[in-house]
Amino acid sequence: MKKVTVPSRDEVAPANQAIFDNLNKALGFVPNLYAVIGHSENGLSRYLAFQNHKTSLTNKEKEAVNLIVSEVNGCVYCQSAHTVIGKMNGFTDDQVLDLRRGKSSDPKLNALVNLASGITKNKGKVDSRLTDAFFAQGYTKENLVDLVLQISDKVAMNYLHNLTEVEVDFPVAPSLEFDLVASNN
């Protein structure tokens, strides 16, 4: 397959040009993966509306989900972006790595990332112990629905990057294999 290029502002529809301008104002740049969505005249506005929906999950919970789903799906772009965003939301470097490994010292987040990992790995068919642990930590049916929607948001971006392989324009997240080797020395 021919590699998909990252379009410039001038190469996208006028509506996407306005979104590029807004992203530049908010972030200081247009992330390459968002720019790739700009190849679709309606895709970028549709995706951003979905991504920015109201949810019962906290920002930290959303980032925990983003990190584990991106790890399961092997998306280095999203691992990198959400390492930065996770730290902006209060996670330490070690906590980010643990979340990518599918664990947390916080029992509630641990139940969340375990369920998110199971849902992602098994296409929604999970052992009832994972959902039982999720609900035992105080999560609700609303949280479960919002978790699935958060996973679907991240799966879309993981698949898009894994397919297009556009350049990662965030500091590249360390691979867990490297991290495990380094910690054993």
N, C-alpha and C. Protein backbone atom coordinates (compact mmCIF):
# COMPACT_ATOMS: atom_id res chain seq x y z
N MET A 1 0.84 -1.19 0.00
CA MET A 1 0.00 0.00 0.00
C MET A 1 0.88 1.24 0.00
N LYS A 2 0.47 2.23 -0.76
CA LYS A 2 1.18 3.51 -0.76
C LYS A 2 0.93 4.21 0.57
N LYS A 3 2.00 4.74 1.11
CA LYS A 3 1.89 5.43 2.40
C LYS A 3 1.01 6.67 2.26
N VAL A 4 0.14 6.88 3.21
CA VAL A 4 -0.74 8.05 3.23
C VAL A 4 0.07 9.24 3.74
N THR A 5 -0.04 10.35 3.05
CA THR A 5 0.69 11.55 3.44
C THR A 5 -0.12 12.39 4.42
N VAL A 6 0.57 13.24 5.11
CA VAL A 6 -0.07 14.20 6.01
C VAL A 6 -0.37 15.44 5.18
N PRO A 7 -1.66 15.77 5.00
CA PRO A 7 -1.98 16.92 4.16
C PRO A 7 -1.66 18.24 4.87
N SER A 8 -1.30 19.21 4.07
CA SER A 8 -1.13 20.56 4.60
C SER A 8 -2.50 21.23 4.68
N ARG A 9 -2.55 22.37 5.29
CA ARG A 9 -3.80 23.12 5.41
C ARG A 9 -4.41 23.37 4.04
N ASP A 10 -3.57 23.71 3.07
CA ASP A 10 -4.05 24.03 1.73
C ASP A 10 -4.60 22.82 0.98
N GLU A 11 -4.32 21.63 1.44
CA GLU A 11 -4.75 20.41 0.75
C GLU A 11 -6.05 19.82 1.28
N VAL A 12 -6.67 20.50 2.25
CA VAL A 12 -7.91 19.98 2.82
C VAL A 12 -9.07 20.94 2.52
N ALA A 13 -10.27 20.42 2.71
CA ALA A 13 -11.49 21.21 2.45
C ALA A 13 -11.53 22.44 3.36
N PRO A 14 -12.22 23.50 2.92
CA PRO A 14 -12.31 24.72 3.73
C PRO A 14 -12.76 24.49 5.18
N ALA A 15 -13.72 23.60 5.39
CA ALA A 15 -14.17 23.34 6.77
C ALA A 15 -13.03 22.75 7.60
N ASN A 16 -12.22 21.90 6.99
CA ASN A 16 -11.08 21.32 7.70
C ASN A 16 -9.98 22.35 7.91
N GLN A 17 -9.85 23.30 6.99
CA GLN A 17 -8.87 24.37 7.17
C GLN A 17 -9.20 25.15 8.44
N ALA A 18 -10.47 25.42 8.68
CA ALA A 18 -10.88 26.13 9.90
C ALA A 18 -10.55 25.30 11.14
N ILE A 19 -10.76 23.99 11.06
CA ILE A 19 -10.43 23.12 12.19
C ILE A 19 -8.92 23.10 12.40
N PHE A 20 -8.14 23.04 11.32
CA PHE A 20 -6.68 23.10 11.44
C PHE A 20 -6.28 24.40 12.17
N ASP A 21 -6.92 25.52 11.79
CA ASP A 21 -6.61 26.81 12.43
C ASP A 21 -6.93 26.75 13.93
N ASN A 22 -8.07 26.17 14.29
CA ASN A 22 -8.44 26.05 15.70
C ASN A 22 -7.47 25.15 16.46
N LEU A 23 -7.06 24.05 15.84
CA LEU A 23 -6.09 23.16 16.50
C LEU A 23 -4.76 23.87 16.69
N ASN A 24 -4.34 24.64 15.68
CA ASN A 24 -3.10 25.41 15.81
C ASN A 24 -3.17 26.40 16.97
N LYS A 25 -4.32 27.06 17.11
CA LYS A 25 -4.50 28.01 18.22
C LYS A 25 -4.46 27.30 19.56
N ALA A 26 -5.15 26.17 19.66
CA ALA A 26 -5.27 25.45 20.93
C ALA A 26 -3.99 24.70 21.31
N LEU A 27 -3.36 24.04 20.33
CA LEU A 27 -2.24 23.14 20.63
C LEU A 27 -0.88 23.67 20.16
N GLY A 28 -0.91 24.65 19.27
CA GLY A 28 0.33 25.15 18.70
C GLY A 28 0.75 24.37 17.46
N PHE A 29 0.00 23.34 17.10
CA PHE A 29 0.26 22.56 15.89
C PHE A 29 -0.96 21.68 15.61
N VAL A 30 -0.99 21.11 14.42
CA VAL A 30 -2.03 20.16 14.06
C VAL A 30 -1.39 18.78 14.13
N PRO A 31 -1.77 17.95 15.10
CA PRO A 31 -1.19 16.61 15.18
C PRO A 31 -1.37 15.86 13.85
N ASN A 32 -0.32 15.18 13.44
CA ASN A 32 -0.34 14.49 12.15
C ASN A 32 -1.53 13.56 11.97
N LEU A 33 -1.91 12.86 13.02
CA LEU A 33 -3.02 11.92 12.87
C LEU A 33 -4.34 12.65 12.65
N TYR A 34 -4.53 13.80 13.30
CA TYR A 34 -5.71 14.61 13.02
C TYR A 34 -5.67 15.13 11.59
N ALA A 35 -4.49 15.56 11.15
CA ALA A 35 -4.36 16.07 9.79
C ALA A 35 -4.74 14.99 8.78
N VAL A 36 -4.35 13.75 9.03
CA VAL A 36 -4.70 12.66 8.12
C VAL A 36 -6.21 12.51 8.02
N ILE A 37 -6.91 12.68 9.12
CA ILE A 37 -8.37 12.61 9.07
C ILE A 37 -8.92 13.71 8.15
N GLY A 38 -8.16 14.80 8.02
CA GLY A 38 -8.54 15.89 7.14
C GLY A 38 -8.65 15.49 5.67
N HIS A 39 -8.13 14.33 5.29
CA HIS A 39 -8.33 13.84 3.91
C HIS A 39 -9.82 13.63 3.64
N SER A 40 -10.59 13.38 4.70
CA SER A 40 -12.05 13.24 4.56
C SER A 40 -12.69 14.59 4.84
N GLU A 41 -13.51 15.04 3.92
CA GLU A 41 -14.15 16.36 4.07
C GLU A 41 -14.94 16.46 5.37
N ASN A 42 -15.59 15.37 5.78
CA ASN A 42 -16.43 15.40 6.98
C ASN A 42 -15.84 14.66 8.17
N GLY A 43 -14.79 13.89 7.94
CA GLY A 43 -14.25 13.01 8.97
C GLY A 43 -13.71 13.74 10.19
N LEU A 44 -12.98 14.83 9.99
CA LEU A 44 -12.34 15.50 11.12
C LEU A 44 -13.37 16.12 12.05
N SER A 45 -14.35 16.82 11.52
CA SER A 45 -15.37 17.41 12.39
C SER A 45 -16.18 16.32 13.09
N ARG A 46 -16.48 15.24 12.36
CA ARG A 46 -17.23 14.14 12.95
C ARG A 46 -16.43 13.47 14.07
N TYR A 47 -15.14 13.22 13.84
CA TYR A 47 -14.32 12.58 14.86
C TYR A 47 -14.17 13.49 16.09
N LEU A 48 -13.86 14.76 15.88
CA LEU A 48 -13.66 15.66 17.02
C LEU A 48 -14.94 15.81 17.85
N ALA A 49 -16.10 15.82 17.20
CA ALA A 49 -17.36 15.88 17.95
C ALA A 49 -17.51 14.63 18.81
N PHE A 50 -17.16 13.48 18.26
CA PHE A 50 -17.24 12.22 19.01
C PHE A 50 -16.23 12.23 20.15
N GLN A 51 -15.00 12.63 19.86
CA GLN A 51 -13.94 12.62 20.87
C GLN A 51 -14.24 13.57 22.02
N ASN A 52 -14.87 14.68 21.73
CA ASN A 52 -15.11 15.70 22.76
C ASN A 52 -16.49 15.57 23.41
N HIS A 53 -17.14 14.45 23.22
CA HIS A 53 -18.46 14.23 23.83
C HIS A 53 -18.38 14.26 25.35
N LYS A 54 -19.49 14.57 25.99
CA LYS A 54 -19.56 14.51 27.45
C LYS A 54 -19.54 13.04 27.86
N THR A 55 -18.93 12.76 28.98
CA THR A 55 -18.77 11.39 29.45
C THR A 55 -18.80 11.36 30.97
N SER A 56 -19.14 10.22 31.51
CA SER A 56 -19.13 10.04 32.96
C SER A 56 -17.73 9.70 33.47
N LEU A 57 -16.78 9.47 32.57
CA LEU A 57 -15.41 9.16 32.97
C LEU A 57 -14.63 10.46 33.19
N THR A 58 -13.75 10.45 34.17
CA THR A 58 -12.88 11.60 34.41
C THR A 58 -11.80 11.65 33.33
N ASN A 59 -11.12 12.77 33.23
CA ASN A 59 -10.02 12.88 32.27
C ASN A 59 -8.94 11.84 32.55
N LYS A 60 -8.64 11.61 33.83
CA LYS A 60 -7.64 10.60 34.17
C LYS A 60 -8.11 9.21 33.75
N GLU A 61 -9.36 8.91 33.97
CA GLU A 61 -9.89 7.61 33.55
C GLU A 61 -9.84 7.46 32.04
N LYS A 62 -10.20 8.52 31.32
CA LYS A 62 -10.14 8.47 29.86
C LYS A 62 -8.71 8.21 29.39
N GLU A 63 -7.74 8.88 30.01
CA GLU A 63 -6.35 8.68 29.61
C GLU A 63 -5.85 7.28 29.96
N ALA A 64 -6.30 6.74 31.09
CA ALA A 64 -5.93 5.36 31.44
C ALA A 64 -6.44 4.41 30.36
N VAL A 65 -7.67 4.61 29.93
CA VAL A 65 -8.25 3.79 28.86
C VAL A 65 -7.47 3.99 27.56
N ASN A 66 -7.19 5.23 27.21
CA ASN A 66 -6.45 5.52 25.98
C ASN A 66 -5.08 4.82 25.97
N LEU A 67 -4.42 4.82 27.12
CA LEU A 67 -3.10 4.22 27.20
C LEU A 67 -3.15 2.70 27.05
N ILE A 68 -4.05 2.03 27.74
CA ILE A 68 -4.10 0.57 27.65
C ILE A 68 -4.60 0.13 26.29
N VAL A 69 -5.59 0.79 25.74
CA VAL A 69 -6.11 0.40 24.42
C VAL A 69 -5.03 0.59 23.36
N SER A 70 -4.30 1.69 23.43
CA SER A 70 -3.23 1.94 22.46
C SER A 70 -2.11 0.92 22.59
N GLU A 71 -1.85 0.47 23.80
CA GLU A 71 -0.84 -0.56 24.01
C GLU A 71 -1.30 -1.89 23.43
N VAL A 72 -2.52 -2.28 23.75
CA VAL A 72 -3.07 -3.54 23.23
C VAL A 72 -3.04 -3.54 21.70
N ASN A 73 -3.37 -2.40 21.10
CA ASN A 73 -3.43 -2.32 19.64
C ASN A 73 -2.09 -1.98 18.99
N GLY A 74 -1.04 -1.83 19.79
CA GLY A 74 0.29 -1.58 19.25
C GLY A 74 0.42 -0.29 18.47
N CYS A 75 -0.24 0.76 18.93
CA CYS A 75 -0.20 2.05 18.23
C CYS A 75 0.79 2.99 18.91
N VAL A 76 1.99 3.09 18.35
CA VAL A 76 3.03 3.93 18.94
C VAL A 76 2.63 5.41 18.91
N TYR A 77 1.89 5.85 17.90
CA TYR A 77 1.47 7.24 17.85
C TYR A 77 0.60 7.57 19.06
N CYS A 78 -0.42 6.76 19.30
CA CYS A 78 -1.34 7.03 20.41
C CYS A 78 -0.69 6.77 21.77
N GLN A 79 0.20 5.79 21.84
CA GLN A 79 0.95 5.59 23.08
C GLN A 79 1.73 6.86 23.42
N SER A 80 2.35 7.44 22.40
CA SER A 80 3.16 8.65 22.58
C SER A 80 2.30 9.85 22.95
N ALA A 81 1.23 10.08 22.18
CA ALA A 81 0.36 11.23 22.44
C ALA A 81 -0.24 11.13 23.84
N HIS A 82 -0.71 9.94 24.22
CA HIS A 82 -1.39 9.81 25.50
C HIS A 82 -0.43 9.68 26.68
N THR A 83 0.84 9.42 26.42
CA THR A 83 1.84 9.54 27.48
C THR A 83 1.94 11.01 27.87
N VAL A 84 2.01 11.89 26.86
CA VAL A 84 2.08 13.33 27.12
C VAL A 84 0.79 13.81 27.80
N ILE A 85 -0.36 13.43 27.25
CA ILE A 85 -1.64 13.90 27.80
C ILE A 85 -1.89 13.29 29.18
N GLY A 86 -1.50 12.04 29.37
CA GLY A 86 -1.64 11.41 30.69
C GLY A 86 -0.86 12.16 31.75
N LYS A 87 0.37 12.58 31.41
CA LYS A 87 1.18 13.35 32.37
C LYS A 87 0.56 14.72 32.61
N MET A 88 -0.06 15.31 31.57
CA MET A 88 -0.75 16.59 31.74
C MET A 88 -1.94 16.44 32.70
N ASN A 89 -2.48 15.23 32.79
CA ASN A 89 -3.62 14.96 33.67
C ASN A 89 -3.20 14.38 35.02
N GLY A 90 -1.91 14.43 35.34
CA GLY A 90 -1.45 14.10 36.68
C GLY A 90 -0.79 12.75 36.88
N PHE A 91 -0.66 11.94 35.82
CA PHE A 91 0.05 10.67 35.97
C PHE A 91 1.55 10.89 35.93
N THR A 92 2.29 10.10 36.70
CA THR A 92 3.75 10.12 36.65
C THR A 92 4.21 9.21 35.51
N ASP A 93 5.49 9.29 35.18
CA ASP A 93 6.06 8.40 34.15
C ASP A 93 5.81 6.93 34.51
N ASP A 94 6.05 6.58 35.77
CA ASP A 94 5.86 5.19 36.20
C ASP A 94 4.40 4.77 36.12
N GLN A 95 3.49 5.66 36.48
CA GLN A 95 2.07 5.35 36.40
C GLN A 95 1.63 5.14 34.94
N VAL A 96 2.15 5.96 34.04
CA VAL A 96 1.84 5.80 32.62
C VAL A 96 2.29 4.43 32.14
N LEU A 97 3.52 4.04 32.50
CA LEU A 97 4.03 2.74 32.08
C LEU A 97 3.19 1.61 32.68
N ASP A 98 2.82 1.75 33.94
CA ASP A 98 1.97 0.72 34.57
C ASP A 98 0.62 0.62 33.86
N LEU A 99 0.02 1.74 33.53
CA LEU A 99 -1.27 1.73 32.83
C LEU A 99 -1.12 1.03 31.48
N ARG A 100 -0.03 1.31 30.79
CA ARG A 100 0.21 0.63 29.51
C ARG A 100 0.39 -0.87 29.70
N ARG A 101 0.87 -1.27 30.87
CA ARG A 101 1.02 -2.69 31.18
C ARG A 101 -0.31 -3.31 31.64
N GLY A 102 -1.34 -2.45 31.84
CA GLY A 102 -2.64 -2.94 32.25
C GLY A 102 -2.81 -3.07 33.73
N LYS A 103 -2.14 -2.19 34.48
CA LYS A 103 -2.30 -2.25 35.94
C LYS A 103 -2.16 -0.85 36.54
N SER A 104 -2.68 -0.72 37.75
CA SER A 104 -2.57 0.53 38.49
C SER A 104 -2.59 0.19 39.98
N SER A 105 -1.87 0.97 40.77
CA SER A 105 -1.90 0.78 42.22
C SER A 105 -3.22 1.28 42.82
N ASP A 106 -3.95 2.07 42.06
CA ASP A 106 -5.28 2.54 42.47
C ASP A 106 -6.27 1.45 42.08
N PRO A 107 -6.95 0.82 43.07
CA PRO A 107 -7.84 -0.30 42.75
C PRO A 107 -8.94 0.03 41.74
N LYS A 108 -9.45 1.25 41.78
CA LYS A 108 -10.51 1.63 40.85
C LYS A 108 -9.97 1.71 39.43
N LEU A 109 -8.83 2.40 39.25
CA LEU A 109 -8.22 2.48 37.92
C LEU A 109 -7.77 1.11 37.45
N ASN A 110 -7.31 0.27 38.37
CA ASN A 110 -6.88 -1.07 38.02
C ASN A 110 -8.04 -1.86 37.40
N ALA A 111 -9.21 -1.78 38.03
CA ALA A 111 -10.39 -2.47 37.51
C ALA A 111 -10.76 -1.92 36.13
N LEU A 112 -10.66 -0.61 35.97
CA LEU A 112 -10.97 0.04 34.69
C LEU A 112 -10.04 -0.42 33.58
N VAL A 113 -8.72 -0.38 33.83
CA VAL A 113 -7.78 -0.74 32.76
C VAL A 113 -7.82 -2.25 32.46
N ASN A 114 -8.09 -3.05 33.47
CA ASN A 114 -8.22 -4.49 33.21
C ASN A 114 -9.42 -4.77 32.33
N LEU A 115 -10.54 -4.12 32.61
CA LEU A 115 -11.73 -4.32 31.78
C LEU A 115 -11.49 -3.76 30.38
N ALA A 116 -10.91 -2.57 30.28
CA ALA A 116 -10.64 -1.98 28.96
C ALA A 116 -9.71 -2.87 28.14
N SER A 117 -8.71 -3.43 28.78
CA SER A 117 -7.79 -4.34 28.10
C SER A 117 -8.53 -5.58 27.62
N GLY A 118 -9.34 -6.17 28.49
CA GLY A 118 -10.10 -7.36 28.12
C GLY A 118 -11.07 -7.10 26.98
N ILE A 119 -11.76 -5.98 27.04
CA ILE A 119 -12.71 -5.63 25.97
C ILE A 119 -11.97 -5.49 24.64
N THR A 120 -10.83 -4.82 24.68
CA THR A 120 -10.07 -4.57 23.45
C THR A 120 -9.49 -5.88 22.89
N LYS A 121 -8.88 -6.67 23.74
CA LYS A 121 -8.26 -7.92 23.29
C LYS A 121 -9.29 -8.92 22.77
N ASN A 122 -10.46 -8.94 23.40
CA ASN A 122 -11.45 -9.98 23.10
C ASN A 122 -12.69 -9.48 22.38
N LYS A 123 -12.57 -8.30 21.78
CA LYS A 123 -13.66 -7.73 20.96
C LYS A 123 -14.99 -7.68 21.73
N GLY A 124 -14.89 -7.30 23.00
CA GLY A 124 -16.09 -7.09 23.81
C GLY A 124 -16.54 -8.30 24.60
N LYS A 125 -15.96 -9.44 24.36
CA LYS A 125 -16.35 -10.66 25.08
C LYS A 125 -15.35 -10.88 26.20
N VAL A 126 -15.77 -10.55 27.43
CA VAL A 126 -14.84 -10.62 28.55
C VAL A 126 -15.35 -11.57 29.63
N ASP A 127 -14.42 -12.01 30.43
CA ASP A 127 -14.73 -12.82 31.60
C ASP A 127 -15.56 -11.96 32.56
N SER A 128 -16.62 -12.53 33.10
CA SER A 128 -17.51 -11.77 33.99
C SER A 128 -16.77 -11.26 35.23
N ARG A 129 -15.65 -11.85 35.58
CA ARG A 129 -14.88 -11.35 36.74
C ARG A 129 -14.37 -9.93 36.50
N LEU A 130 -14.08 -9.61 35.23
CA LEU A 130 -13.63 -8.25 34.92
C LEU A 130 -14.75 -7.24 35.12
N THR A 131 -15.95 -7.56 34.66
CA THR A 131 -17.06 -6.63 34.86
C THR A 131 -17.47 -6.60 36.33
N ASP A 132 -17.42 -7.73 37.01
CA ASP A 132 -17.73 -7.76 38.44
C ASP A 132 -16.78 -6.85 39.22
N ALA A 133 -15.48 -6.92 38.90
CA ALA A 133 -14.49 -6.09 39.58
C ALA A 133 -14.73 -4.61 39.27
N PHE A 134 -15.09 -4.30 38.05
CA PHE A 134 -15.39 -2.94 37.61
C PHE A 134 -16.55 -2.38 38.44
N PHE A 135 -17.65 -3.12 38.52
CA PHE A 135 -18.82 -2.65 39.28
C PHE A 135 -18.53 -2.63 40.78
N ALA A 136 -17.70 -3.54 41.27
CA ALA A 136 -17.35 -3.58 42.71
C ALA A 136 -16.57 -2.33 43.12
N GLN A 137 -15.91 -1.69 42.16
CA GLN A 137 -15.16 -0.46 42.47
C GLN A 137 -16.04 0.80 42.39
N GLY A 138 -17.34 0.60 42.20
CA GLY A 138 -18.25 1.74 42.21
C GLY A 138 -18.63 2.27 40.84
N TYR A 139 -18.12 1.64 39.80
CA TYR A 139 -18.52 2.06 38.46
C TYR A 139 -19.97 1.65 38.21
N THR A 140 -20.62 2.38 37.31
CA THR A 140 -22.04 2.18 37.03
C THR A 140 -22.24 1.67 35.60
N LYS A 141 -23.49 1.39 35.27
CA LYS A 141 -23.82 1.00 33.90
C LYS A 141 -23.51 2.13 32.93
N GLU A 142 -23.74 3.38 33.36
CA GLU A 142 -23.38 4.53 32.53
C GLU A 142 -21.88 4.53 32.26
N ASN A 143 -21.08 4.27 33.29
CA ASN A 143 -19.63 4.21 33.11
C ASN A 143 -19.24 3.12 32.13
N LEU A 144 -19.93 1.99 32.17
CA LEU A 144 -19.63 0.89 31.26
C LEU A 144 -19.88 1.31 29.81
N VAL A 145 -21.01 1.95 29.57
CA VAL A 145 -21.31 2.43 28.21
C VAL A 145 -20.25 3.45 27.78
N ASP A 146 -19.91 4.39 28.66
CA ASP A 146 -18.92 5.41 28.32
C ASP A 146 -17.54 4.80 28.12
N LEU A 147 -17.23 3.72 28.85
CA LEU A 147 -15.97 3.01 28.64
C LEU A 147 -15.91 2.43 27.23
N VAL A 148 -16.96 1.78 26.80
CA VAL A 148 -16.99 1.19 25.46
C VAL A 148 -16.85 2.29 24.40
N LEU A 149 -17.51 3.43 24.61
CA LEU A 149 -17.39 4.54 23.66
C LEU A 149 -15.96 5.09 23.65
N GLN A 150 -15.33 5.17 24.81
CA GLN A 150 -13.94 5.65 24.87
C GLN A 150 -13.01 4.68 24.15
N ILE A 151 -13.24 3.39 24.35
CA ILE A 151 -12.43 2.39 23.65
C ILE A 151 -12.61 2.53 22.15
N SER A 152 -13.85 2.72 21.70
CA SER A 152 -14.09 2.82 20.25
C SER A 152 -13.42 4.05 19.66
N ASP A 153 -13.39 5.15 20.40
CA ASP A 153 -12.68 6.36 19.97
C ASP A 153 -11.21 6.02 19.74
N LYS A 154 -10.60 5.36 20.71
CA LYS A 154 -9.17 5.08 20.62
C LYS A 154 -8.86 4.01 19.58
N VAL A 155 -9.71 3.00 19.46
CA VAL A 155 -9.49 1.97 18.44
C VAL A 155 -9.47 2.60 17.06
N ALA A 156 -10.36 3.53 16.79
CA ALA A 156 -10.39 4.19 15.48
C ALA A 156 -9.05 4.86 15.19
N MET A 157 -8.53 5.59 16.15
CA MET A 157 -7.26 6.29 15.94
C MET A 157 -6.10 5.29 15.86
N ASN A 158 -6.13 4.25 16.70
CA ASN A 158 -5.08 3.23 16.64
C ASN A 158 -5.04 2.59 15.26
N TYR A 159 -6.19 2.22 14.75
CA TYR A 159 -6.26 1.58 13.44
C TYR A 159 -5.80 2.54 12.34
N LEU A 160 -6.20 3.80 12.44
CA LEU A 160 -5.81 4.77 11.42
C LEU A 160 -4.29 4.93 11.39
N HIS A 161 -3.68 5.04 12.57
CA HIS A 161 -2.22 5.17 12.57
C HIS A 161 -1.54 3.89 12.13
N ASN A 162 -2.00 2.75 12.63
CA ASN A 162 -1.36 1.49 12.25
C ASN A 162 -1.45 1.26 10.75
N LEU A 163 -2.51 1.76 10.13
CA LEU A 163 -2.70 1.63 8.68
C LEU A 163 -1.84 2.62 7.90
N THR A 164 -1.80 3.87 8.35
CA THR A 164 -1.11 4.92 7.59
C THR A 164 0.35 5.09 7.97
N GLU A 165 0.70 4.76 9.20
CA GLU A 165 2.07 4.91 9.71
C GLU A 165 2.62 6.33 9.56
N VAL A 166 1.76 7.33 9.76
CA VAL A 166 2.26 8.71 9.67
C VAL A 166 3.25 8.95 10.81
N GLU A 167 4.12 9.92 10.57
CA GLU A 167 5.17 10.23 11.53
C GLU A 167 4.58 10.64 12.88
N VAL A 168 5.18 10.12 13.95
CA VAL A 168 4.78 10.48 15.31
C VAL A 168 5.35 11.86 15.60
N ASP A 169 4.48 12.81 15.92
CA ASP A 169 4.93 14.18 16.19
C ASP A 169 4.80 14.55 17.67
N PHE A 170 4.92 13.56 18.52
CA PHE A 170 5.02 13.72 19.97
C PHE A 170 6.31 13.02 20.38
N PRO A 171 6.84 13.32 21.58
CA PRO A 171 7.99 12.52 22.04
C PRO A 171 7.58 11.04 22.06
N VAL A 172 8.37 10.20 21.43
CA VAL A 172 8.01 8.80 21.27
C VAL A 172 8.05 8.09 22.62
N ALA A 173 6.94 7.43 22.94
CA ALA A 173 6.85 6.67 24.19
C ALA A 173 7.82 5.51 24.16
N PRO A 174 8.45 5.22 25.30
CA PRO A 174 9.36 4.07 25.32
C PRO A 174 8.59 2.77 25.13
N SER A 175 9.23 1.83 24.46
CA SER A 175 8.58 0.53 24.32
C SER A 175 8.63 -0.16 25.68
N LEU A 176 7.62 -0.93 25.98
CA LEU A 176 7.60 -1.64 27.26
C LEU A 176 8.69 -2.70 27.31
N GLU A 177 9.04 -3.29 26.17
CA GLU A 177 10.12 -4.28 26.14
C GLU A 177 11.42 -3.63 26.59
N PHE A 178 11.70 -2.44 26.07
CA PHE A 178 12.91 -1.72 26.47
C PHE A 178 12.85 -1.40 27.96
N ASP A 179 11.69 -0.93 28.40
CA ASP A 179 11.50 -0.56 29.80
C ASP A 179 11.75 -1.76 30.71
N LEU A 180 11.25 -2.92 30.34
CA LEU A 180 11.43 -4.12 31.16
C LEU A 180 12.88 -4.57 31.17
N VAL A 181 13.56 -4.48 30.02
CA VAL A 181 14.97 -4.86 29.96
C VAL A 181 15.79 -3.91 30.80
N ALA A 182 15.53 -2.60 30.69
CA ALA A 182 16.28 -1.59 31.44
C ALA A 182 16.11 -1.77 32.94
N SER A 183 14.89 -2.14 33.38
CA SER A 183 14.65 -2.29 34.81
C SER A 183 15.27 -3.55 35.38
N ASN A 184 15.62 -4.51 34.52
CA ASN A 184 16.25 -5.75 34.99
C ASN A 184 17.76 -5.64 35.06
N ASN A 185 18.33 -4.54 34.60
CA ASN A 185 19.79 -4.37 34.63
C ASN A 185 20.25 -3.68 35.88
